[in-house]
Every structure is written in C-alpha cells, then in structure tokens.
Amino acid sequence: MPESKLWTRPFLTLMAINFASALSFYLLMVKMTEYSIETYDVAYAVAALTVSVYVIAALVSRIALGRQIDLWGIKTSLIIGAVLNAIASILYLAPMPFAA
C-alpha cells in the first residue's frame, strides 16, 4: 500500500481557508450584538435577533447548498463560498439604517 502524505500544500490551503471562514463567522456572531446596541441604539432583544437571523441564515444556506457543493465540486464551491464570505464581511463595514 503506497504511503500518502496528509500535510500536503492543497490540504493546508483548504484548511487555512476553512479556518478563516469559521473564524470570521464566529467573530461576527460574537460582536454583532454589541455592535447593533452601540451603533443603532437598539434594545438587547433586537440585537439578539440580528444574531439569531445570522445563525439561522448560515444553517439554512448550508442545508440548501449541500447538493450544489456535490454538483459544482469541492474546490469550486470553496472558492465561491470564500468570495461570498469576503464580500459579505466587507459589507458589514457599510453603514445601514436599522428599523426596529
């Protein structure tokens, strides 16, 4: 049986991208409530709702896109996801009105 290496360059690249994606998700989730309260002066319940919607949207998108990942391929799906994640993260810097 040929010996295969685990720590290859493609594996490390994919691991780094997945780590950055998970890190941005959790960092945004933690800071979103505080940011909503400080910036938009909303109640704690409304700020918590923003985090709830964020988490539910992440869950629904993972369920909905499960089959698409198989169709597009893992590498293409990862690139698309990383680009969309970067765009969404940048859009958090844009000031937007908050209707409570």
PDB file of N, CA and C in Angstrom:
ATOM      1  N   MET A   1       0.850  -1.170   0.000  1.00  0.00           N
ATOM      2  CA  MET A   1       0.000   0.000   0.000  1.00  0.00           C
ATOM      3  C   MET A   1       0.901   1.240   0.000  1.00  0.00           C
ATOM      4  N   PRO A   2       0.716   2.124  -0.980  1.00  0.00           N
ATOM      5  CA  PRO A   2       1.567   3.321  -1.037  1.00  0.00           C
ATOM      6  C   PRO A   2       1.244   4.265   0.115  1.00  0.00           C
ATOM      7  N   GLU A   3       2.283   4.896   0.585  1.00  0.00           N
ATOM      8  CA  GLU A   3       2.138   5.815   1.697  1.00  0.00           C
ATOM      9  C   GLU A   3       1.719   7.186   1.164  1.00  0.00           C
ATOM     10  N   SER A   4       0.616   7.718   1.687  1.00  0.00           N
ATOM     11  CA  SER A   4       0.164   9.039   1.241  1.00  0.00           C
ATOM     12  C   SER A   4       0.380  10.044   2.356  1.00  0.00           C
ATOM     13  N   LYS A   5       0.734  11.245   1.970  1.00  0.00           N
ATOM     14  CA  LYS A   5       1.005  12.292   2.937  1.00  0.00           C
ATOM     15  C   LYS A   5      -0.278  13.047   3.244  1.00  0.00           C
ATOM     16  N   LEU A   6      -0.435  13.417   4.490  1.00  0.00           N
ATOM     17  CA  LEU A   6      -1.596  14.195   4.908  1.00  0.00           C
ATOM     18  C   LEU A   6      -1.336  15.688   4.759  1.00  0.00           C
ATOM     19  N   TRP A   7      -0.205  16.161   5.181  1.00  0.00           N
ATOM     20  CA  TRP A   7       0.084  17.590   5.223  1.00  0.00           C
ATOM     21  C   TRP A   7       0.631  18.079   3.888  1.00  0.00           C
ATOM     22  N   THR A   8      -0.197  18.003   2.877  1.00  0.00           N
ATOM     23  CA  THR A   8       0.184  18.481   1.553  1.00  0.00           C
ATOM     24  C   THR A   8      -0.192  19.950   1.410  1.00  0.00           C
ATOM     25  N   ARG A   9       0.326  20.582   0.392  1.00  0.00           N
ATOM     26  CA  ARG A   9       0.025  22.001   0.152  1.00  0.00           C
ATOM     27  C   ARG A   9      -1.465  22.240  -0.085  1.00  0.00           C
ATOM     28  N   PRO A  10      -2.159  21.456  -0.921  1.00  0.00           N
ATOM     29  CA  PRO A  10      -3.599  21.676  -1.096  1.00  0.00           C
ATOM     30  C   PRO A  10      -4.392  21.505   0.204  1.00  0.00           C
ATOM     31  N   PHE A  11      -4.000  20.520   1.030  1.00  0.00           N
ATOM     32  CA  PHE A  11      -4.689  20.309   2.298  1.00  0.00           C
ATOM     33  C   PHE A  11      -4.500  21.502   3.217  1.00  0.00           C
ATOM     34  N   LEU A  12      -3.282  22.014   3.309  1.00  0.00           N
ATOM     35  CA  LEU A  12      -3.017  23.171   4.158  1.00  0.00           C
ATOM     36  C   LEU A  12      -3.748  24.413   3.664  1.00  0.00           C
ATOM     37  N   THR A  13      -3.841  24.577   2.357  1.00  0.00           N
ATOM     38  CA  THR A  13      -4.567  25.713   1.786  1.00  0.00           C
ATOM     39  C   THR A  13      -6.048  25.624   2.122  1.00  0.00           C
ATOM     40  N   LEU A  14      -6.643  24.466   1.913  1.00  0.00           N
ATOM     41  CA  LEU A  14      -8.056  24.281   2.229  1.00  0.00           C
ATOM     42  C   LEU A  14      -8.316  24.439   3.722  1.00  0.00           C
ATOM     43  N   MET A  15      -7.405  23.945   4.541  1.00  0.00           N
ATOM     44  CA  MET A  15      -7.551  24.069   5.983  1.00  0.00           C
ATOM     45  C   MET A  15      -7.484  25.540   6.405  1.00  0.00           C
ATOM     46  N   ALA A  16      -6.601  26.307   5.816  1.00  0.00           N
ATOM     47  CA  ALA A  16      -6.473  27.732   6.141  1.00  0.00           C
ATOM     48  C   ALA A  16      -7.722  28.502   5.717  1.00  0.00           C
ATOM     49  N   ILE A  17      -8.260  28.195   4.550  1.00  0.00           N
ATOM     50  CA  ILE A  17      -9.464  28.872   4.075  1.00  0.00           C
ATOM     51  C   ILE A  17     -10.653  28.521   4.959  1.00  0.00           C
ATOM     52  N   ASN A  18     -10.798  27.258   5.295  1.00  0.00           N
ATOM     53  CA  ASN A  18     -11.894  26.856   6.182  1.00  0.00           C
ATOM     54  C   ASN A  18     -11.748  27.483   7.567  1.00  0.00           C
ATOM     55  N   PHE A  19     -10.533  27.560   8.078  1.00  0.00           N
ATOM     56  CA  PHE A  19     -10.307  28.178   9.377  1.00  0.00           C
ATOM     57  C   PHE A  19     -10.674  29.663   9.343  1.00  0.00           C
ATOM     58  N   ALA A  20     -10.252  30.361   8.289  1.00  0.00           N
ATOM     59  CA  ALA A  20     -10.575  31.789   8.165  1.00  0.00           C
ATOM     60  C   ALA A  20     -12.079  31.998   8.050  1.00  0.00           C
ATOM     61  N   SER A  21     -12.747  31.134   7.321  1.00  0.00           N
ATOM     62  CA  SER A  21     -14.193  31.241   7.175  1.00  0.00           C
ATOM     63  C   SER A  21     -14.904  31.009   8.504  1.00  0.00           C
ATOM     64  N   ALA A  22     -14.518  29.980   9.224  1.00  0.00           N
ATOM     65  CA  ALA A  22     -15.132  29.708  10.519  1.00  0.00           C
ATOM     66  C   ALA A  22     -14.814  30.812  11.525  1.00  0.00           C
ATOM     67  N   LEU A  23     -13.600  31.317  11.494  1.00  0.00           N
ATOM     68  CA  LEU A  23     -13.209  32.386  12.397  1.00  0.00           C
ATOM     69  C   LEU A  23     -14.027  33.649  12.136  1.00  0.00           C
ATOM     70  N   SER A  24     -14.206  34.002  10.867  1.00  0.00           N
ATOM     71  CA  SER A  24     -14.997  35.203  10.567  1.00  0.00           C
ATOM     72  C   SER A  24     -16.449  35.008  10.989  1.00  0.00           C
ATOM     73  N   PHE A  25     -16.982  33.800  10.827  1.00  0.00           N
ATOM     74  CA  PHE A  25     -18.356  33.531  11.248  1.00  0.00           C
ATOM     75  C   PHE A  25     -18.508  33.740  12.751  1.00  0.00           C
ATOM     76  N   TYR A  26     -17.639  33.135  13.525  1.00  0.00           N
ATOM     77  CA  TYR A  26     -17.770  33.213  14.975  1.00  0.00           C
ATOM     78  C   TYR A  26     -17.427  34.598  15.517  1.00  0.00           C
ATOM     79  N   LEU A  27     -16.453  35.269  14.924  1.00  0.00           N
ATOM     80  CA  LEU A  27     -16.141  36.622  15.373  1.00  0.00           C
ATOM     81  C   LEU A  27     -17.293  37.578  15.077  1.00  0.00           C
ATOM     82  N   LEU A  28     -17.900  37.454  13.903  1.00  0.00           N
ATOM     83  CA  LEU A  28     -19.056  38.292  13.588  1.00  0.00           C
ATOM     84  C   LEU A  28     -20.221  37.982  14.514  1.00  0.00           C
ATOM     85  N   MET A  29     -20.428  36.725  14.799  1.00  0.00           N
ATOM     86  CA  MET A  29     -21.532  36.339  15.669  1.00  0.00           C
ATOM     87  C   MET A  29     -21.364  36.932  17.065  1.00  0.00           C
ATOM     88  N   VAL A  30     -20.146  36.948  17.565  1.00  0.00           N
ATOM     89  CA  VAL A  30     -19.892  37.450  18.906  1.00  0.00           C
ATOM     90  C   VAL A  30     -20.039  38.974  18.963  1.00  0.00           C
ATOM     91  N   LYS A  31     -19.539  39.674  17.979  1.00  0.00           N
ATOM     92  CA  LYS A  31     -19.521  41.134  18.018  1.00  0.00           C
ATOM     93  C   LYS A  31     -20.795  41.785  17.478  1.00  0.00           C
ATOM     94  N   MET A  32     -21.630  41.033  16.766  1.00  0.00           N
ATOM     95  CA  MET A  32     -22.795  41.628  16.111  1.00  0.00           C
ATOM     96  C   MET A  32     -23.785  42.230  17.103  1.00  0.00           C
ATOM     97  N   THR A  33     -24.033  41.587  18.203  1.00  0.00           N
ATOM     98  CA  THR A  33     -24.982  42.108  19.197  1.00  0.00           C
ATOM     99  C   THR A  33     -24.465  43.416  19.786  1.00  0.00           C
ATOM    100  N   GLU A  34     -23.225  43.408  20.211  1.00  0.00           N
ATOM    101  CA  GLU A  34     -22.625  44.613  20.785  1.00  0.00           C
ATOM    102  C   GLU A  34     -22.623  45.768  19.780  1.00  0.00           C
ATOM    103  N   TYR A  35     -22.282  45.466  18.545  1.00  0.00           N
ATOM    104  CA  TYR A  35     -22.255  46.492  17.504  1.00  0.00           C
ATOM    105  C   TYR A  35     -23.646  47.070  17.264  1.00  0.00           C
ATOM    106  N   SER A  36     -24.658  46.218  17.216  1.00  0.00           N
ATOM    107  CA  SER A  36     -26.033  46.687  17.000  1.00  0.00           C
ATOM    108  C   SER A  36     -26.486  47.606  18.121  1.00  0.00           C
ATOM    109  N   ILE A  37     -26.149  47.250  19.350  1.00  0.00           N
ATOM    110  CA  ILE A  37     -26.552  48.059  20.504  1.00  0.00           C
ATOM    111  C   ILE A  37     -25.834  49.405  20.491  1.00  0.00           C
ATOM    112  N   GLU A  38     -24.537  49.400  20.259  1.00  0.00           N
ATOM    113  CA  GLU A  38     -23.760  50.632  20.303  1.00  0.00           C
ATOM    114  C   GLU A  38     -24.033  51.544  19.111  1.00  0.00           C
ATOM    115  N   THR A  39     -24.129  50.985  17.922  1.00  0.00           N
ATOM    116  CA  THR A  39     -24.258  51.804  16.719  1.00  0.00           C
ATOM    117  C   THR A  39     -25.683  52.271  16.487  1.00  0.00           C
ATOM    118  N   TYR A  40     -26.649  51.367  16.653  1.00  0.00           N
ATOM    119  CA  TYR A  40     -28.025  51.688  16.304  1.00  0.00           C
ATOM    120  C   TYR A  40     -28.906  51.953  17.521  1.00  0.00           C
ATOM    121  N   ASP A  41     -28.335  51.838  18.716  1.00  0.00           N
ATOM    122  CA  ASP A  41     -29.055  52.108  19.960  1.00  0.00           C
ATOM    123  C   ASP A  41     -30.381  51.345  20.020  1.00  0.00           C
ATOM    124  N   VAL A  42     -30.303  50.036  19.808  1.00  0.00           N
ATOM    125  CA  VAL A  42     -31.493  49.184  19.847  1.00  0.00           C
ATOM    126  C   VAL A  42     -31.515  48.402  21.155  1.00  0.00           C
ATOM    127  N   ALA A  43     -32.663  47.829  21.446  1.00  0.00           N
ATOM    128  CA  ALA A  43     -32.807  47.018  22.658  1.00  0.00           C
ATOM    129  C   ALA A  43     -31.998  45.722  22.520  1.00  0.00           C
ATOM    130  N   TYR A  44     -31.689  45.120  23.651  1.00  0.00           N
ATOM    131  CA  TYR A  44     -30.928  43.871  23.654  1.00  0.00           C
ATOM    132  C   TYR A  44     -31.651  42.770  22.878  1.00  0.00           C
ATOM    133  N   ALA A  45     -32.959  42.740  22.977  1.00  0.00           N
ATOM    134  CA  ALA A  45     -33.733  41.708  22.272  1.00  0.00           C
ATOM    135  C   ALA A  45     -33.602  41.855  20.763  1.00  0.00           C
ATOM    136  N   VAL A  46     -33.625  43.083  20.281  1.00  0.00           N
ATOM    137  CA  VAL A  46     -33.485  43.320  18.834  1.00  0.00           C
ATOM    138  C   VAL A  46     -32.066  42.969  18.383  1.00  0.00           C
ATOM    139  N   ALA A  47     -31.096  43.332  19.186  1.00  0.00           N
ATOM    140  CA  ALA A  47     -29.710  42.999  18.853  1.00  0.00           C
ATOM    141  C   ALA A  47     -29.498  41.489  18.837  1.00  0.00           C
ATOM    142  N   ALA A  48     -30.109  40.782  19.780  1.00  0.00           N
ATOM    143  CA  ALA A  48     -30.010  39.322  19.805  1.00  0.00           C
ATOM    144  C   ALA A  48     -30.714  38.714  18.597  1.00  0.00           C
ATOM    145  N   LEU A  49     -31.771  39.371  18.145  1.00  0.00           N
ATOM    146  CA  LEU A  49     -32.478  38.881  16.954  1.00  0.00           C
ATOM    147  C   LEU A  49     -31.584  38.943  15.720  1.00  0.00           C
ATOM    148  N   THR A  50     -30.735  39.969  15.631  1.00  0.00           N
ATOM    149  CA  THR A  50     -29.827  40.046  14.483  1.00  0.00           C
ATOM    150  C   THR A  50     -28.877  38.850  14.457  1.00  0.00           C
ATOM    151  N   VAL A  51     -28.399  38.451  15.620  1.00  0.00           N
ATOM    152  CA  VAL A  51     -27.514  37.285  15.688  1.00  0.00           C
ATOM    153  C   VAL A  51     -28.288  36.013  15.359  1.00  0.00           C
ATOM    154  N   SER A  52     -29.515  35.919  15.831  1.00  0.00           N
ATOM    155  CA  SER A  52     -30.347  34.740  15.547  1.00  0.00           C
ATOM    156  C   SER A  52     -30.595  34.597  14.060  1.00  0.00           C
ATOM    157  N   VAL A  53     -30.912  35.703  13.404  1.00  0.00           N
ATOM    158  CA  VAL A  53     -31.138  35.663  11.952  1.00  0.00           C
ATOM    159  C   VAL A  53     -29.854  35.265  11.232  1.00  0.00           C
ATOM    160  N   TYR A  54     -28.720  35.774  11.703  1.00  0.00           N
ATOM    161  CA  TYR A  54     -27.424  35.442  11.115  1.00  0.00           C
ATOM    162  C   TYR A  54     -27.136  33.941  11.214  1.00  0.00           C
ATOM    163  N   VAL A  55     -27.358  33.360  12.377  1.00  0.00           N
ATOM    164  CA  VAL A  55     -27.099  31.938  12.588  1.00  0.00           C
ATOM    165  C   VAL A  55     -28.078  31.078  11.785  1.00  0.00           C
ATOM    166  N   ILE A  56     -29.352  31.454  11.778  1.00  0.00           N
ATOM    167  CA  ILE A  56     -30.361  30.699  11.021  1.00  0.00           C
ATOM    168  C   ILE A  56     -30.061  30.759   9.526  1.00  0.00           C
ATOM    169  N   ALA A  57     -29.656  31.932   9.028  1.00  0.00           N
ATOM    170  CA  ALA A  57     -29.303  32.050   7.607  1.00  0.00           C
ATOM    171  C   ALA A  57     -28.107  31.167   7.265  1.00  0.00           C
ATOM    172  N   ALA A  58     -27.131  31.089   8.157  1.00  0.00           N
ATOM    173  CA  ALA A  58     -25.976  30.220   7.919  1.00  0.00           C
ATOM    174  C   ALA A  58     -26.401  28.753   7.880  1.00  0.00           C
ATOM    175  N   LEU A  59     -27.274  28.350   8.783  1.00  0.00           N
ATOM    176  CA  LEU A  59     -27.749  26.968   8.824  1.00  0.00           C
ATOM    177  C   LEU A  59     -28.562  26.621   7.579  1.00  0.00           C
ATOM    178  N   VAL A  60     -29.487  27.486   7.215  1.00  0.00           N
ATOM    179  CA  VAL A  60     -30.337  27.229   6.048  1.00  0.00           C
ATOM    180  C   VAL A  60     -29.496  27.187   4.765  1.00  0.00           C
ATOM    181  N   SER A  61     -28.523  28.095   4.661  1.00  0.00           N
ATOM    182  CA  SER A  61     -27.697  28.093   3.447  1.00  0.00           C
ATOM    183  C   SER A  61     -26.863  26.817   3.348  1.00  0.00           C
ATOM    184  N   ARG A  62     -26.388  26.298   4.470  1.00  0.00           N
ATOM    185  CA  ARG A  62     -25.614  25.042   4.432  1.00  0.00           C
ATOM    186  C   ARG A  62     -26.487  23.870   4.021  1.00  0.00           C
ATOM    187  N   ILE A  63     -27.702  23.840   4.518  1.00  0.00           N
ATOM    188  CA  ILE A  63     -28.615  22.764   4.144  1.00  0.00           C
ATOM    189  C   ILE A  63     -29.015  22.879   2.678  1.00  0.00           C
ATOM    190  N   ALA A  64     -29.343  24.100   2.263  1.00  0.00           N
ATOM    191  CA  ALA A  64     -29.817  24.319   0.898  1.00  0.00           C
ATOM    192  C   ALA A  64     -28.729  24.081  -0.147  1.00  0.00           C
ATOM    193  N   LEU A  65     -27.490  24.352   0.196  1.00  0.00           N
ATOM    194  CA  LEU A  65     -26.409  24.248  -0.784  1.00  0.00           C
ATOM    195  C   LEU A  65     -25.651  22.935  -0.726  1.00  0.00           C
ATOM    196  N   GLY A  66     -26.070  22.011   0.110  1.00  0.00           N
ATOM    197  CA  GLY A  66     -25.379  20.733   0.227  1.00  0.00           C
ATOM    198  C   GLY A  66     -25.278  19.976  -1.091  1.00  0.00           C
ATOM    199  N   ARG A  67     -26.367  19.920  -1.819  1.00  0.00           N
ATOM    200  CA  ARG A  67     -26.368  19.209  -3.099  1.00  0.00           C
ATOM    201  C   ARG A  67     -25.573  19.983  -4.158  1.00  0.00           C
ATOM    202  N   GLN A  68     -25.629  21.322  -4.095  1.00  0.00           N
ATOM    203  CA  GLN A  68     -24.885  22.134  -5.063  1.00  0.00           C
ATOM    204  C   GLN A  68     -23.381  21.930  -4.918  1.00  0.00           C
ATOM    205  N   ILE A  69     -22.925  21.723  -3.704  1.00  0.00           N
ATOM    206  CA  ILE A  69     -21.500  21.505  -3.495  1.00  0.00           C
ATOM    207  C   ILE A  69     -21.050  20.249  -4.231  1.00  0.00           C
ATOM    208  N   ASP A  70     -21.871  19.212  -4.214  1.00  0.00           N
ATOM    209  CA  ASP A  70     -21.541  17.993  -4.959  1.00  0.00           C
ATOM    210  C   ASP A  70     -21.534  18.241  -6.457  1.00  0.00           C
ATOM    211  N   LEU A  71     -22.469  19.072  -6.927  1.00  0.00           N
ATOM    212  CA  LEU A  71     -22.548  19.351  -8.363  1.00  0.00           C
ATOM    213  C   LEU A  71     -21.401  20.229  -8.849  1.00  0.00           C
ATOM    214  N   TRP A  72     -21.067  21.268  -8.094  1.00  0.00           N
ATOM    215  CA  TRP A  72     -20.008  22.187  -8.504  1.00  0.00           C
ATOM    216  C   TRP A  72     -18.615  21.619  -8.269  1.00  0.00           C
ATOM    217  N   GLY A  73     -18.480  20.775  -7.299  1.00  0.00           N
ATOM    218  CA  GLY A  73     -17.168  20.278  -6.893  1.00  0.00           C
ATOM    219  C   GLY A  73     -16.705  21.029  -5.658  1.00  0.00           C
ATOM    220  N   ILE A  74     -15.868  20.391  -4.897  1.00  0.00           N
ATOM    221  CA  ILE A  74     -15.443  20.950  -3.615  1.00  0.00           C
ATOM    222  C   ILE A  74     -14.612  22.220  -3.798  1.00  0.00           C
ATOM    223  N   LYS A  75     -13.670  22.206  -4.718  1.00  0.00           N
ATOM    224  CA  LYS A  75     -12.779  23.352  -4.895  1.00  0.00           C
ATOM    225  C   LYS A  75     -13.545  24.570  -5.393  1.00  0.00           C
ATOM    226  N   THR A  76     -14.396  24.387  -6.387  1.00  0.00           N
ATOM    227  CA  THR A  76     -15.199  25.495  -6.909  1.00  0.00           C
ATOM    228  C   THR A  76     -16.138  26.031  -5.835  1.00  0.00           C
ATOM    229  N   SER A  77     -16.750  25.145  -5.079  1.00  0.00           N
ATOM    230  CA  SER A  77     -17.653  25.564  -4.003  1.00  0.00           C
ATOM    231  C   SER A  77     -16.904  26.350  -2.938  1.00  0.00           C
ATOM    232  N   LEU A  78     -15.708  25.921  -2.618  1.00  0.00           N
ATOM    233  CA  LEU A  78     -14.908  26.621  -1.623  1.00  0.00           C
ATOM    234  C   LEU A  78     -14.519  28.014  -2.102  1.00  0.00           C
ATOM    235  N   ILE A  79     -14.148  28.140  -3.350  1.00  0.00           N
ATOM    236  CA  ILE A  79     -13.781  29.444  -3.901  1.00  0.00           C
ATOM    237  C   ILE A  79     -14.989  30.375  -3.911  1.00  0.00           C
ATOM    238  N   ILE A  80     -16.137  29.874  -4.370  1.00  0.00           N
ATOM    239  CA  ILE A  80     -17.357  30.682  -4.386  1.00  0.00           C
ATOM    240  C   ILE A  80     -17.732  31.109  -2.970  1.00  0.00           C
ATOM    241  N   GLY A  81     -17.678  30.176  -2.043  1.00  0.00           N
ATOM    242  CA  GLY A  81     -18.012  30.487  -0.654  1.00  0.00           C
ATOM    243  C   GLY A  81     -17.059  31.498  -0.038  1.00  0.00           C
ATOM    244  N   ALA A  82     -15.772  31.368  -0.324  1.00  0.00           N
ATOM    245  CA  ALA A  82     -14.784  32.297   0.232  1.00  0.00           C
ATOM    246  C   ALA A  82     -14.985  33.709  -0.321  1.00  0.00           C
ATOM    247  N   VAL A  83     -15.280  33.798  -1.613  1.00  0.00           N
ATOM    248  CA  VAL A  83     -15.524  35.110  -2.225  1.00  0.00           C
ATOM    249  C   VAL A  83     -16.794  35.738  -1.652  1.00  0.00           C
ATOM    250  N   LEU A  84     -17.859  34.966  -1.555  1.00  0.00           N
ATOM    251  CA  LEU A  84     -19.106  35.495  -0.984  1.00  0.00           C
ATOM    252  C   LEU A  84     -18.934  35.876   0.483  1.00  0.00           C
ATOM    253  N   ASN A  85     -18.173  35.099   1.217  1.00  0.00           N
ATOM    254  CA  ASN A  85     -17.897  35.409   2.614  1.00  0.00           C
ATOM    255  C   ASN A  85     -17.109  36.709   2.731  1.00  0.00           C
ATOM    256  N   ALA A  86     -16.132  36.911   1.874  1.00  0.00           N
ATOM    257  CA  ALA A  86     -15.338  38.143   1.896  1.00  0.00           C
ATOM    258  C   ALA A  86     -16.202  39.350   1.551  1.00  0.00           C
ATOM    259  N   ILE A  87     -17.061  39.206   0.540  1.00  0.00           N
ATOM    260  CA  ILE A  87     -17.954  40.303   0.161  1.00  0.00           C
ATOM    261  C   ILE A  87     -18.912  40.636   1.297  1.00  0.00           C
ATOM    262  N   ALA A  88     -19.503  39.619   1.891  1.00  0.00           N
ATOM    263  CA  ALA A  88     -20.441  39.847   2.995  1.00  0.00           C
ATOM    264  C   ALA A  88     -19.746  40.490   4.184  1.00  0.00           C
ATOM    265  N   SER A  89     -18.519  40.081   4.476  1.00  0.00           N
ATOM    266  CA  SER A  89     -17.779  40.665   5.591  1.00  0.00           C
ATOM    267  C   SER A  89     -17.450  42.132   5.328  1.00  0.00           C
ATOM    268  N   ILE A  90     -17.113  42.463   4.101  1.00  0.00           N
ATOM    269  CA  ILE A  90     -16.827  43.854   3.746  1.00  0.00           C
ATOM    270  C   ILE A  90     -18.094  44.699   3.839  1.00  0.00           C
ATOM    271  N   LEU A  91     -19.229  44.119   3.469  1.00  0.00           N
ATOM    272  CA  LEU A  91     -20.487  44.862   3.537  1.00  0.00           C
ATOM    273  C   LEU A  91     -20.883  45.205   4.970  1.00  0.00           C
ATOM    274  N   TYR A  92     -20.349  44.488   5.952  1.00  0.00           N
ATOM    275  CA  TYR A  92     -20.640  44.835   7.340  1.00  0.00           C
ATOM    276  C   TYR A  92     -20.064  46.197   7.712  1.00  0.00           C
ATOM    277  N   LEU A  93     -19.096  46.667   6.966  1.00  0.00           N
ATOM    278  CA  LEU A  93     -18.499  47.977   7.238  1.00  0.00           C
ATOM    279  C   LEU A  93     -19.367  49.126   6.711  1.00  0.00           C
ATOM    280  N   ALA A  94     -20.278  48.822   5.801  1.00  0.00           N
ATOM    281  CA  ALA A  94     -21.139  49.861   5.240  1.00  0.00           C
ATOM    282  C   ALA A  94     -22.248  50.221   6.231  1.00  0.00           C
ATOM    283  N   PRO A  95     -22.409  51.528   6.527  1.00  0.00           N
ATOM    284  CA  PRO A  95     -23.479  51.920   7.453  1.00  0.00           C
ATOM    285  C   PRO A  95     -24.848  51.734   6.802  1.00  0.00           C
ATOM    286  N   MET A  96     -25.746  51.109   7.503  1.00  0.00           N
ATOM    287  CA  MET A  96     -27.093  50.866   7.005  1.00  0.00           C
ATOM    288  C   MET A  96     -28.099  51.220   8.094  1.00  0.00           C
ATOM    289  N   PRO A  97     -29.265  51.684   7.706  1.00  0.00           N
ATOM    290  CA  PRO A  97     -30.274  52.001   8.727  1.00  0.00           C
ATOM    291  C   PRO A  97     -30.811  50.727   9.376  1.00  0.00           C
ATOM    292  N   PHE A  98     -31.199  50.838  10.605  1.00  0.00           N
ATOM    293  CA  PHE A  98     -31.729  49.703  11.354  1.00  0.00           C
ATOM    294  C   PHE A  98     -33.127  50.051  11.820  1.00  0.00           C
ATOM    295  N   ALA A  99     -34.130  49.405  11.274  1.00  0.00           N
ATOM    296  CA  ALA A  99     -35.520  49.696  11.656  1.00  0.00           C
ATOM    297  C   ALA A  99     -35.955  48.703  12.729  1.00  0.00           C
ATOM    298  N   ALA A 100     -36.246  49.214  13.900  1.00  0.00           N
ATOM    299  CA  ALA A 100     -36.644  48.340  14.987  1.00  0.00           C
ATOM    300  C   ALA A 100     -38.115  48.525  15.286  1.00  0.00           C
TER     301      ALA A 100
END
